[in-house]
C-alpha atoms as a PDB file:
ATOM      1  CA  GLN A   1      64.404  20.715 -90.219  1.00  0.00           C
ATOM      2  CA  CYS A   2      67.010  19.701 -87.621  1.00  0.00           C
ATOM      3  CA  LYS A   3      70.560  20.971 -87.927  1.00  0.00           C
ATOM      4  CA  PRO A   4      73.258  18.298 -88.479  1.00  0.00           C
ATOM      5  CA  THR A   5      75.009  19.443 -85.307  1.00  0.00           C
ATOM      6  CA  ALA A   6      71.874  19.296 -83.148  1.00  0.00           C
ATOM      7  CA  LYS A   7      71.879  16.671 -80.396  1.00  0.00           C
ATOM      8  CA  HIS A   8      68.550  15.234 -79.339  1.00  0.00           C
ATOM      9  CA  GLU A   9      67.674  12.891 -76.507  1.00  0.00           C
ATOM     10  CA  MET A  10      64.584  11.356 -74.929  1.00  0.00           C
ATOM     11  CA  LEU A  11      63.524  12.945 -71.643  1.00  0.00           C
ATOM     12  CA  VAL A  12      61.196  10.849 -69.487  1.00  0.00           C
ATOM     13  CA  PHE A  13      59.471  12.148 -66.363  1.00  0.00           C
ATOM     14  CA  GLU A  14      56.618  10.842 -64.268  1.00  0.00           C
ATOM     15  CA  SER A  15      54.662  11.187 -61.059  1.00  0.00           C
ATOM     16  CA  LEU A  16      55.537   8.842 -58.185  1.00  0.00           C
ATOM     17  CA  ASP A  17      52.531   9.798 -56.056  1.00  0.00           C
ATOM     18  CA  SER A  18      50.135   7.151 -54.789  1.00  0.00           C
ATOM     19  CA  ASP A  19      47.449   8.531 -57.136  1.00  0.00           C
ATOM     20  CA  THR A  20      49.650   8.391 -60.248  1.00  0.00           C
ATOM     21  CA  LEU A  21      47.192   5.947 -61.881  1.00  0.00           C
ATOM     22  CA  THR A  22      44.018   7.890 -61.172  1.00  0.00           C
ATOM     23  CA  ARG A  23      44.744  11.617 -60.895  1.00  0.00           C
ATOM     24  CA  ARG A  24      45.098  13.429 -64.196  1.00  0.00           C
ATOM     25  CA  VAL A  25      47.801  16.095 -64.533  1.00  0.00           C
ATOM     26  CA  GLN A  26      47.823  16.124 -68.328  1.00  0.00           C
ATOM     27  CA  PRO A  27      48.030  17.674 -70.795  1.00  0.00           C
ATOM     28  CA  VAL A  28      51.584  18.589 -69.789  1.00  0.00           C
ATOM     29  CA  VAL A  29      53.127  21.425 -71.778  1.00  0.00           C
ATOM     30  CA  LEU A  30      56.854  21.410 -72.532  1.00  0.00           C
ATOM     31  CA  THR A  31      58.195  24.661 -74.006  1.00  0.00           C
ATOM     32  CA  ALA A  32      61.532  26.306 -74.807  1.00  0.00           C
ATOM     33  CA  GLU A  33      62.015  29.910 -75.822  1.00  0.00           C
ATOM     34  CA  ALA A  34      64.048  30.988 -78.826  1.00  0.00           C
ATOM     35  CA  ASP A  35      67.421  32.644 -78.199  1.00  0.00           C
ATOM     36  CA  SER A  36      70.704  33.352 -79.973  1.00  0.00           C
ATOM     37  CA  ASN A  37      71.806  29.717 -79.781  1.00  0.00           C
ATOM     38  CA  PHE A  38      68.398  28.214 -80.623  1.00  0.00           C
ATOM     39  CA  PRO A  39      66.514  30.509 -83.015  1.00  0.00           C
ATOM     40  CA  GLU A  40      63.400  28.309 -83.170  1.00  0.00           C
ATOM     41  CA  PRO A  41      61.019  28.030 -80.182  1.00  0.00           C
ATOM     42  CA  PHE A  42      59.813  24.617 -79.020  1.00  0.00           C
ATOM     43  CA  TYR A  43      56.322  23.485 -77.970  1.00  0.00           C
ATOM     44  CA  ASN A  44      55.155  19.975 -77.090  1.00  0.00           C
ATOM     45  CA  ASN A  45      51.746  19.070 -75.650  1.00  0.00           C
ATOM     46  CA  LEU A  46      51.986  15.691 -73.871  1.00  0.00           C
ATOM     47  CA  ASN A  47      49.283  13.213 -72.899  1.00  0.00           C
ATOM     48  CA  SER A  48      49.545  10.152 -70.653  1.00  0.00           C
ATOM     49  CA  PHE A  49      49.740   6.532 -71.748  1.00  0.00           C
ATOM     50  CA  GLU A  50      46.882   4.144 -72.412  1.00  0.00           C
ATOM     51  CA  ASP A  51      45.307   2.193 -69.548  1.00  0.00           C
ATOM     52  CA  VAL A  52      47.838  -0.126 -67.916  1.00  0.00           C
ATOM     53  CA  ARG A  53      45.485  -3.127 -67.564  1.00  0.00           C
ATOM     54  CA  TRP A  54      42.111  -4.593 -68.440  1.00  0.00           C
ATOM     55  CA  ASP A  55      39.341  -5.663 -66.060  1.00  0.00           C
ATOM     56  CA  GLN A  56      37.471  -8.606 -67.619  1.00  0.00           C
ATOM     57  CA  GLY A  57      37.453  -7.037 -71.060  1.00  0.00           C
ATOM     58  CA  TYR A  58      36.938  -3.464 -69.873  1.00  0.00           C
ATOM     59  CA  THR A  59      39.605  -0.801 -69.616  1.00  0.00           C
ATOM     60  CA  SER A  60      40.683  -0.107 -66.053  1.00  0.00           C
ATOM     61  CA  LEU A  61      40.849   3.685 -66.520  1.00  0.00           C
ATOM     62  CA  LYS A  62      44.196   3.544 -64.729  1.00  0.00           C
ATOM     63  CA  ARG A  63      46.987   5.377 -66.543  1.00  0.00           C
ATOM     64  CA  LEU A  64      50.560   5.992 -65.553  1.00  0.00           C
ATOM     65  CA  SER A  65      51.372   9.685 -65.315  1.00  0.00           C
ATOM     66  CA  ARG A  66      54.551   9.148 -67.348  1.00  0.00           C
ATOM     67  CA  PHE A  67      55.565  11.539 -70.120  1.00  0.00           C
ATOM     68  CA  PRO A  68      58.357  11.068 -72.691  1.00  0.00           C
ATOM     69  CA  SER A  69      59.456  13.916 -74.937  1.00  0.00           C
ATOM     70  CA  LEU A  70      62.224  14.507 -77.446  1.00  0.00           C
ATOM     71  CA  VAL A  71      64.466  17.380 -76.302  1.00  0.00           C
ATOM     72  CA  GLN A  72      67.507  19.132 -77.725  1.00  0.00           C
ATOM     73  CA  LYS A  73      70.568  19.169 -75.514  1.00  0.00           C
ATOM     74  CA  GLY A  74      71.825  22.483 -74.225  1.00  0.00           C
ATOM     75  CA  ARG A  75      68.389  24.122 -73.993  1.00  0.00           C
ATOM     76  CA  THR A  76      66.231  25.268 -71.084  1.00  0.00           C
ATOM     77  CA  TYR A  77      62.718  23.757 -70.961  1.00  0.00           C
ATOM     78  CA  ASN A  78      59.695  24.929 -69.004  1.00  0.00           C
ATOM     79  CA  ILE A  79      57.241  22.262 -67.826  1.00  0.00           C
ATOM     80  CA  SER A  80      53.713  23.082 -66.708  1.00  0.00           C
ATOM     81  CA  PHE A  81      50.991  20.691 -65.550  1.00  0.00           C
ATOM     82  CA  THR A  82      47.254  21.105 -66.064  1.00  0.00           C
ATOM     83  CA  GLY A  83      46.536  20.036 -62.502  1.00  0.00           C
ATOM     84  CA  THR A  84      48.453  20.505 -59.271  1.00  0.00           C
ATOM     85  CA  ASN A  85      52.078  19.459 -59.597  1.00  0.00           C
ATOM     86  CA  PRO A  86      52.764  15.919 -58.316  1.00  0.00           C
ATOM     87  CA  ARG A  87      54.377  15.872 -54.880  1.00  0.00           C
ATOM     88  CA  SER A  88      56.976  13.341 -55.980  1.00  0.00           C
ATOM     89  CA  MET A  89      58.499  13.059 -59.465  1.00  0.00           C
ATOM     90  CA  ARG A  90      61.508  11.660 -61.259  1.00  0.00           C
ATOM     91  CA  PHE A  91      63.332  12.798 -64.404  1.00  0.00           C
ATOM     92  CA  ALA A  92      65.880  10.980 -66.556  1.00  0.00           C
ATOM     93  CA  MET A  93      67.461  11.142 -70.012  1.00  0.00           C
ATOM     94  CA  ARG A  94      67.353   7.938 -72.045  1.00  0.00           C
ATOM     95  CA  ASP A  95      70.715   6.507 -73.170  1.00  0.00           C
ATOM     96  CA  ASP A  96      72.563   9.790 -72.624  1.00  0.00           C
ATOM     97  CA  VAL A  97      76.264   9.006 -73.064  1.00  0.00           C
ATOM     98  CA  ASP A  98      77.882  12.453 -73.024  1.00  0.00           C
ATOM     99  CA  ALA A  99      78.111  15.187 -70.409  1.00  0.00           C
ATOM    100  CA  GLU A 100      75.644  17.550 -72.061  1.00  0.00           C
ATOM    101  CA  GLY A 101      72.054  17.712 -70.853  1.00  0.00           C
ATOM    102  CA  ILE A 102      69.208  20.180 -70.357  1.00  0.00           C
ATOM    103  CA  VAL A 103      67.912  22.620 -67.756  1.00  0.00           C
ATOM    104  CA  VAL A 104      64.339  22.124 -66.518  1.00  0.00           C
ATOM    105  CA  VAL A 105      62.170  24.853 -64.984  1.00  0.00           C
ATOM    106  CA  ILE A 106      58.982  24.038 -63.031  1.00  0.00           C
ATOM    107  CA  ARG A 107      56.738  26.556 -61.288  1.00  0.00           C
ATOM    108  CA  TYR A 108      54.657  25.669 -58.247  1.00  0.00           C
ATOM    109  CA  THR A 109      51.354  27.198 -57.166  1.00  0.00           C
ATOM    110  CA  ASN A 110      52.176  27.454 -53.460  1.00  0.00           C
ATOM    111  CA  PRO A 111      55.324  27.780 -51.357  1.00  0.00           C
ATOM    112  CA  SER A 112      56.824  24.372 -50.712  1.00  0.00           C
ATOM    113  CA  LEU A 113      59.994  22.666 -49.605  1.00  0.00           C
ATOM    114  CA  ILE A 114      61.229  20.689 -52.608  1.00  0.00           C
ATOM    115  CA  GLU A 115      63.970  18.127 -52.017  1.00  0.00           C
ATOM    116  CA  VAL A 116      66.080  17.252 -55.074  1.00  0.00           C
ATOM    117  CA  SER A 117      68.142  14.048 -55.037  1.00  0.00           C
ATOM    118  CA  VAL A 118      70.218  11.909 -57.412  1.00  0.00           C
ATOM    119  CA  ASN A 119      70.520   8.174 -56.715  1.00  0.00           C
ATOM    120  CA  GLY A 120      68.951   8.775 -53.301  1.00  0.00           C
ATOM    121  CA  ILE A 121      71.532  11.404 -52.305  1.00  0.00           C
ATOM    122  CA  PRO A 122      70.064  14.904 -51.702  1.00  0.00           C
ATOM    123  CA  SER A 123      71.592  17.656 -53.839  1.00  0.00           C
ATOM    124  CA  SER A 124      72.715  20.972 -52.369  1.00  0.00           C
ATOM    125  CA  ALA A 125      70.875  24.098 -53.496  1.00  0.00           C
ATOM    126  CA  MET A 126      72.774  26.696 -55.511  1.00  0.00           C
ATOM    127  CA  ALA A 127      72.681  30.424 -54.809  1.00  0.00           C
ATOM    128  CA  ASN A 128      71.778  31.163 -58.460  1.00  0.00           C
ATOM    129  CA  PRO A 129      69.872  29.250 -61.151  1.00  0.00           C
ATOM    130  CA  PRO A 130      72.102  26.529 -62.643  1.00  0.00           C
ATOM    131  CA  ASN A 131      73.150  26.411 -66.284  1.00  0.00           C
ATOM    132  CA  ILE A 132      73.985  23.576 -68.634  1.00  0.00           C
ATOM    133  CA  SER A 133      77.602  23.388 -67.437  1.00  0.00           C
ATOM    134  CA  ASP A 134      76.592  22.541 -63.847  1.00  0.00           C
ATOM    135  CA  ALA A 135      76.442  19.017 -62.449  1.00  0.00           C
ATOM    136  CA  HIS A 136      73.596  16.567 -62.857  1.00  0.00           C
ATOM    137  CA  GLY A 137      70.962  17.346 -60.213  1.00  0.00           C
ATOM    138  CA  ALA A 138      72.199  20.889 -59.479  1.00  0.00           C
ATOM    139  CA  PHE A 139      69.194  23.048 -58.583  1.00  0.00           C
ATOM    140  CA  HIS A 140      67.992  26.431 -57.382  1.00  0.00           C
ATOM    141  CA  TRP A 141      64.715  27.299 -55.664  1.00  0.00           C
ATOM    142  CA  ASP A 142      63.439  30.857 -56.125  1.00  0.00           C
ATOM    143  CA  ASN A 143      61.069  31.416 -53.223  1.00  0.00           C
ATOM    144  CA  PRO A 144      59.342  34.654 -54.387  1.00  0.00           C
ATOM    145  CA  THR A 145      58.333  33.144 -57.741  1.00  0.00           C
ATOM    146  CA  ARG A 146      58.066  29.544 -56.414  1.00  0.00           C
ATOM    147  CA  THR A 147      60.219  28.310 -59.287  1.00  0.00           C
ATOM    148  CA  LEU A 148      62.479  25.251 -59.274  1.00  0.00           C
ATOM    149  CA  THR A 149      65.348  25.097 -61.783  1.00  0.00           C
ATOM    150  CA  PHE A 150      67.497  21.966 -62.074  1.00  0.00           C
ATOM    151  CA  VAL A 151      69.882  20.163 -64.452  1.00  0.00           C
ATOM    152  CA  VAL A 152      69.228  16.748 -66.020  1.00  0.00           C
ATOM    153  CA  LYS A 153      72.182  14.833 -67.508  1.00  0.00           C
ATOM    154  CA  GLY A 154      73.017  11.180 -68.008  1.00  0.00           C
ATOM    155  CA  THR A 155      70.695   8.299 -67.181  1.00  0.00           C
ATOM    156  CA  ALA A 156      70.559   8.577 -63.373  1.00  0.00           C
ATOM    157  CA  ASP A 157      67.169   9.663 -62.033  1.00  0.00           C
ATOM    158  CA  VAL A 158      66.670  13.138 -60.626  1.00  0.00           C
ATOM    159  CA  ARG A 159      64.008  12.896 -57.914  1.00  0.00           C
ATOM    160  CA  LEU A 160      61.807  15.750 -56.729  1.00  0.00           C
ATOM    161  CA  ARG A 161      59.926  15.367 -53.468  1.00  0.00           C
ATOM    162  CA  THR A 162      57.660  17.867 -51.747  1.00  0.00           C
ATOM    163  CA  ARG A 163      58.230  17.794 -47.995  1.00  0.00           C
ATOM    164  CA  ASP A 164      55.729  18.777 -45.293  1.00  0.00           C
ATOM    165  CA  ALA A 165      57.302  21.672 -43.425  1.00  0.00           C
ATOM    166  CA  ILE A 166      56.719  25.038 -41.785  1.00  0.00           C
ATOM    167  CA  LEU A 167      58.148  27.863 -43.881  1.00  0.00           C
ATOM    168  CA  ALA A 168      59.621  30.892 -42.112  1.00  0.00           C
ATOM    169  CA  SER A 169      61.814  33.902 -42.849  1.00  0.00           C
ATOM    170  CA  ALA A 170      64.322  35.906 -40.816  1.00  0.00           C
ATOM    171  CA  THR A 171      65.776  39.333 -41.614  1.00  0.00           C
ATOM    172  CA  LEU A 172      69.304  39.934 -40.339  1.00  0.00           C
ATOM    173  CA  VAL A 173      71.017  43.329 -40.164  1.00  0.00           C
ATOM    174  CA  LEU A 174      74.008  41.984 -42.066  1.00  0.00           C
ATOM    175  CA  THR A 175      75.283  42.053 -45.595  1.00  0.00           C
ATOM    176  CA  ASN A 176      75.598  38.767 -47.450  1.00  0.00           C
ATOM    177  CA  ALA A 177      79.375  38.860 -47.020  1.00  0.00           C
ATOM    178  CA  GLN A 178      79.080  39.422 -43.260  1.00  0.00           C
ATOM    179  CA  PHE A 179      76.489  36.631 -42.992  1.00  0.00           C
ATOM    180  CA  PHE A 180      78.740  34.026 -44.634  1.00  0.00           C
ATOM    181  CA  ASN A 181      81.849  35.285 -42.830  1.00  0.00           C
ATOM    182  CA  LEU A 182      80.067  34.534 -39.545  1.00  0.00           C
ATOM    183  CA  GLY A 183      79.432  30.911 -40.506  1.00  0.00           C
ATOM    184  CA  GLY A 184      76.689  31.187 -43.113  1.00  0.00           C
ATOM    185  CA  THR A 185      73.730  28.834 -43.199  1.00  0.00           C
ATOM    186  CA  ALA A 186      75.319  26.194 -40.925  1.00  0.00           C
ATOM    187  CA  ALA A 187      75.848  28.670 -38.073  1.00  0.00           C
ATOM    188  CA  PHE A 188      72.399  30.196 -38.664  1.00  0.00           C
ATOM    189  CA  MET A 189      70.629  26.814 -38.444  1.00  0.00           C
ATOM    190  CA  ALA A 190      72.596  25.850 -35.321  1.00  0.00           C
ATOM    191  CA  ARG A 191      71.601  29.071 -33.523  1.00  0.00           C
ATOM    192  CA  VAL A 192      67.933  28.849 -34.513  1.00  0.00           C
ATOM    193  CA  ALA A 193      67.764  25.163 -33.568  1.00  0.00           C
ATOM    194  CA  PHE A 194      69.292  25.919 -30.167  1.00  0.00           C
ATOM    195  CA  SER A 195      66.889  28.833 -29.570  1.00  0.00           C
ATOM    196  CA  LEU A 196      63.800  26.774 -30.469  1.00  0.00           C
ATOM    197  CA  SER A 197      65.037  23.519 -28.865  1.00  0.00           C
ATOM    198  CA  ILE A 198      64.452  21.657 -32.142  1.00  0.00           C
ATOM    199  CA  PRO A 199      66.940  19.143 -33.603  1.00  0.00           C
ATOM    200  CA  ILE A 200      69.040  20.759 -36.302  1.00  0.00           C
ATOM    201  CA  GLU A 201      68.297  17.845 -38.655  1.00  0.00           C
ATOM    202  CA  ARG A 202      64.783  19.230 -39.085  1.00  0.00           C
ATOM    203  CA  PHE A 203      65.974  22.556 -40.526  1.00  0.00           C
ATOM    204  CA  ARG A 204      66.490  23.373 -44.206  1.00  0.00           C
ATOM    205  CA  VAL A 205      67.668  26.738 -45.555  1.00  0.00           C
ATOM    206  CA  VAL A 206      65.664  27.556 -48.683  1.00  0.00           C
ATOM    207  CA  ASP A 207      67.187  30.855 -49.809  1.00  0.00           C
ATOM    208  CA  VAL A 208      69.564  33.611 -48.700  1.00  0.00           C
ATOM    209  CA  VAL A 209      69.010  37.007 -50.321  1.00  0.00           C
ATOM    210  CA  GLN A 210      70.484  40.450 -49.692  1.00  0.00           C
ATOM    211  CA  VAL A 211      67.867  43.212 -49.941  1.00  0.00           C
ATOM    212  CA  ASN A 212      67.799  46.973 -49.595  1.00  0.00           C
ATOM    213  CA  THR A 213      66.085  48.242 -46.449  1.00  0.00           C
ATOM    214  CA  ARG A 214      64.726  51.523 -45.183  1.00  0.00           C
ATOM    215  CA  ARG A 215      66.870  52.700 -42.311  1.00  0.00           C
ATOM    216  CA  ARG A 216      64.751  53.563 -39.280  1.00  0.00           C
ATOM    217  CA  HIS A 217      67.809  54.302 -37.207  1.00  0.00           C
ATOM    218  CA  ARG A 218      71.248  55.651 -38.010  1.00  0.00           C
ATOM    219  CA  SER A 219      72.922  52.533 -36.644  1.00  0.00           C
ATOM    220  CA  LEU A 220      71.113  50.194 -39.081  1.00  0.00           C
ATOM    221  CA  LEU A 221      72.632  49.244 -42.406  1.00  0.00           C
ATOM    222  CA  ALA A 222      71.015  50.198 -45.698  1.00  0.00           C
ATOM    223  CA  VAL A 223      71.043  46.511 -46.674  1.00  0.00           C
ATOM    224  CA  SER A 224      70.061  43.347 -44.846  1.00  0.00           C
ATOM    225  CA  THR A 225      70.061  39.601 -45.439  1.00  0.00           C
ATOM    226  CA  VAL A 226      66.807  37.668 -45.607  1.00  0.00           C
ATOM    227  CA  VAL A 227      67.058  33.953 -44.815  1.00  0.00           C
ATOM    228  CA  ASP A 228      64.123  31.778 -45.878  1.00  0.00           C
ATOM    229  CA  PHE A 229      64.132  28.465 -44.024  1.00  0.00           C
ATOM    230  CA  SER A 230      61.831  25.580 -43.234  1.00  0.00           C
ATOM    231  CA  VAL A 231      61.291  23.241 -40.298  1.00  0.00           C
ATOM    232  CA  LEU A 232      60.377  19.663 -41.140  1.00  0.00           C
ATOM    233  CA  SER A 233      57.801  17.785 -39.124  1.00  0.00           C
ATOM    234  CA  GLU A 234      59.110  15.008 -36.885  1.00  0.00           C
ATOM    235  CA  LEU A 235      57.688  12.393 -39.259  1.00  0.00           C
ATOM    236  CA  GLU A 236      59.380  13.949 -42.289  1.00  0.00           C
ATOM    237  CA  ALA A 237      62.689  14.171 -40.459  1.00  0.00           C
ATOM    238  CA  ASP A 238      62.484  10.516 -39.409  1.00  0.00           C
ATOM    239  CA  GLU A 239      61.692   9.441 -42.977  1.00  0.00           C
ATOM    240  CA  THR A 240      64.688  11.181 -44.575  1.00  0.00           C
ATOM    241  CA  ALA A 241      66.785   8.020 -44.596  1.00  0.00           C
ATOM    242  CA  MET A 242      63.839   5.837 -45.674  1.00  0.00           C
ATOM    243  CA  ALA A 243      63.117   8.135 -48.623  1.00  0.00           C
ATOM    244  CA  ALA A 244      66.592   7.459 -49.984  1.00  0.00           C
ATOM    245  CA  ILE A 245      65.949   3.708 -49.758  1.00  0.00           C
ATOM    246  CA  ARG A 246      62.577   3.961 -51.503  1.00  0.00           C
ATOM    247  CA  ALA A 247      64.086   6.152 -54.210  1.00  0.00           C
ATOM    248  CA  SER A 248      66.443   3.341 -55.220  1.00  0.00           C
ATOM    249  CA  GLU A 249      63.652   0.792 -55.580  1.00  0.00           C
ATOM    250  CA  VAL A 250      62.116   2.259 -58.744  1.00  0.00           C
ATOM    251  CA  ASN A 251      64.372   2.950 -61.719  1.00  0.00           C
ATOM    252  CA  ILE A 252      63.789   3.917 -65.331  1.00  0.00           C
ATOM    253  CA  THR A 253      66.117   1.632 -67.276  1.00  0.00           C
ATOM    254  CA  GLY A 254      66.492   2.062 -71.016  1.00  0.00           C
ATOM    255  CA  PRO A 255      63.714   2.355 -73.603  1.00  0.00           C
ATOM    256  CA  GLN A 256      61.827  -0.576 -72.110  1.00  0.00           C
ATOM    257  CA  ALA A 257      60.360   1.850 -69.549  1.00  0.00           C
ATOM    258  CA  LEU A 258      58.437   3.619 -72.313  1.00  0.00           C
ATOM    259  CA  LEU A 259      56.153   0.842 -73.573  1.00  0.00           C
ATOM    260  CA  ALA A 260      54.017  -1.735 -71.808  1.00  0.00           C
ATOM    261  CA  ASP A 261      53.468  -5.441 -72.160  1.00  0.00           C
ATOM    262  CA  PRO A 262      49.910  -6.648 -72.775  1.00  0.00           C
ATOM    263  CA  PRO A 263      47.908  -5.582 -69.693  1.00  0.00           C
ATOM    264  CA  PRO A 264      47.531  -8.224 -66.979  1.00  0.00           C
ATOM    265  CA  THR A 265      44.167  -9.718 -66.110  1.00  0.00           C
ATOM    266  CA  ALA A 266      42.086  -8.385 -63.256  1.00  0.00           C
ATOM    267  CA  SER A 267      43.111 -11.261 -60.986  1.00  0.00           C
ATOM    268  CA  ALA A 268      46.775 -10.370 -61.518  1.00  0.00           C
ATOM    269  CA  ALA A 269      46.237  -6.647 -61.068  1.00  0.00           C
ATOM    270  CA  PRO A 270      49.123  -5.157 -59.091  1.00  0.00           C
ATOM    271  CA  THR A 271      48.700  -3.006 -56.033  1.00  0.00           C
ATOM    272  CA  TYR A 272      50.252   0.425 -55.826  1.00  0.00           C
ATOM    273  CA  GLU A 273      51.615   2.103 -52.759  1.00  0.00           C
ATOM    274  CA  GLU A 274      52.873   5.651 -52.316  1.00  0.00           C
ATOM    275  CA  GLU A 275      56.087   6.288 -54.251  1.00  0.00           C
ATOM    276  CA  ASP A 276      56.392   2.599 -55.134  1.00  0.00           C
ATOM    277  CA  VAL A 277      55.008   2.215 -58.655  1.00  0.00           C
ATOM    278  CA  THR A 278      55.845  -1.063 -60.384  1.00  0.00           C
ATOM    279  CA  PRO A 279      57.946  -0.274 -63.502  1.00  0.00           C
ATOM    280  CA  VAL A 280      56.395  -1.118 -66.851  1.00  0.00           C
ATOM    281  CA  THR A 281      58.454  -3.597 -68.889  1.00  0.00           C
ATOM    282  CA  PHE A 282      58.995  -3.736 -72.629  1.00  0.00           C
ATOM    283  CA  SER A 283      58.489  -6.611 -75.036  1.00  0.00           C
ATOM    284  CA  PRO A 284      60.114  -6.084 -78.479  1.00  0.00           C
ATOM    285  CA  THR A 285      57.591  -8.354 -80.165  1.00  0.00           C
ATOM    286  CA  ALA A 286      54.752  -6.138 -78.927  1.00  0.00           C
ATOM    287  CA  VAL A 287      55.845  -3.284 -81.198  1.00  0.00           C
ATOM    288  CA  GLY A 288      57.186  -5.316 -84.079  1.00  0.00           C
ATOM    289  CA  GLY A 289      60.960  -5.153 -83.545  1.00  0.00           C
ATOM    290  CA  THR A 290      63.825  -3.718 -81.599  1.00  0.00           C
ATOM    291  CA  TRP A 291      64.932  -0.107 -81.298  1.00  0.00           C
END
């Protein structure tokens, strides 16, 4: 039984990959652990929608990898996919009118560079995992555990995109305070870019962590700073601006994004390109009324 003070909202997320209609990533498991504020755990096993069209009386076997789930505001939810995580995804809350949202945690199977953006504008990574009081789209990437944590509030899409990049790490004989006093990540990227003769626009700092080290010499500090960074390919760097444009072309707008019209005929079957999936529209008469 729900508490009278509990606030619930519809979370919708989906794959934007070119194979969103054919590759199966379901069942998708959405869980939340019990804590002092939420004594009851949460578990939801999600499947994808029905086929999006018919081919001369036969089902097309093409299904959108789109998953809606009821969530309680203020909680942290873990999402796990049966298959490999989609390279590009979007998340949004339906008809969210207040400033309270949820925190989403997704684990990846291999080290990746994940770009998080809101309305086509990339978000800046936080040093620590965000909480419910942080801004919409705030995120943290934990490189050792390959875990992405981000905040979803309001109705604006949060986009996740896996970028092709070379991942590297550098250990500096500095404390975290000394590292940031000397210019931090901006100065670090400028020096590395100059040393490698690579444009600085291709660099991304993934994580900055202070670790304890074994001193091999008296002059070395007992602690050091490890900087995990990535170098984008030339193609990825050139497509940074275009990705923001493509991200604005597909929007989840209201509850109509959750249900489909009668499937089109085979002759009117749409074509699908990478990260450009035609939104599904909603007809009130198809479900017997309005919301």
